[in-house]
Amino acid sequence: MTDWSQLTHAYGTAEDVPGLLKAAGPDSESPAWNELWSRLCHQGTVYPASYAALPALAEKARRLTATDRTMPLLLAASIIASTDRPHGAPEPQNAYAAETTELIELVEEALRHPSLADNPNRYVGLLEALLAFEGVKVWGQELHGLSSEEFEVPCPVCEAENFVVFGEYGHFSTTDGFYMNEAAGDRRELHPAAIPSLQGLAKRLHARALADGQHEVADKLLYVFGSAHCTECDALFRVDHAVVARWSN
């Protein structure tokens, strides 16, 4: 049994965690989930109680249906993926190997559920969670940019901040943060990756999205793993490389 009184989270003793876990149900809008997220993964920071909660989150996800387990999966993924952890804490994929294996199986079930056909944003969130459980760096935390339809990255040559946009407002790069306005500044057309050129993770994610019937997600991935021009210095750069560089810094 976990002695929660001996563990801490963002606000002190973790004695309140069991009650919050019990109160948190399938409704993603439940206040208990907000409280748990705030305590266990506060602005991306995790605590001793965060890791101790992983077995309970896996059990919670297991007891919920594939359509209702999104919140425990996403919270567990954020805890595992966090790099702002207690000093000396071991890699959670090693310390909680059994729970991580189970979480992978549970998120796979959720990703295959037909209910995601009309919910690409939830699909992306769960796909990001899968990558987090697998220990995939950067994209286990950054893939949700597919849902917001933009990545803000520095030009690798002049370091100007570029918005790489793909979706409702078009497919372009710009340094104008108000690109959604008609009077926005200079835009440069994006260069999506050619499908035959995809390799490694890019190839895997694109093929997976197509196989899962997520064609909109698959199309966006081509822009994320494609190229963009800096609208300040005209340098051509790989979007995914810029995302990784920003995250690494």
Foldseek 3Di string as FASTA:
>chain_A
DDPQQPWFWPVGGRPCVVVLLVQDALDPPDVSLVVCCCTAQNVLAGTPVNLVCLVSLLVRLVVDDLQRSLSSLLSNLSNQQRPNYPPPDDRSCVVVVVSLVSSLVSLVNSLLDPVCLPPVLSNQSSVLSNCSSVVPHLSVPPSSCLVVQWDWFADPPPGQTWIQGPDDLHGWIDSFPVSSDPPTDDTGHADFADLVPDDDPLVVVLVVCVVSNNVSSNVSSRRCQTWHAYPPPRDIDGNVVRSVVVVVD
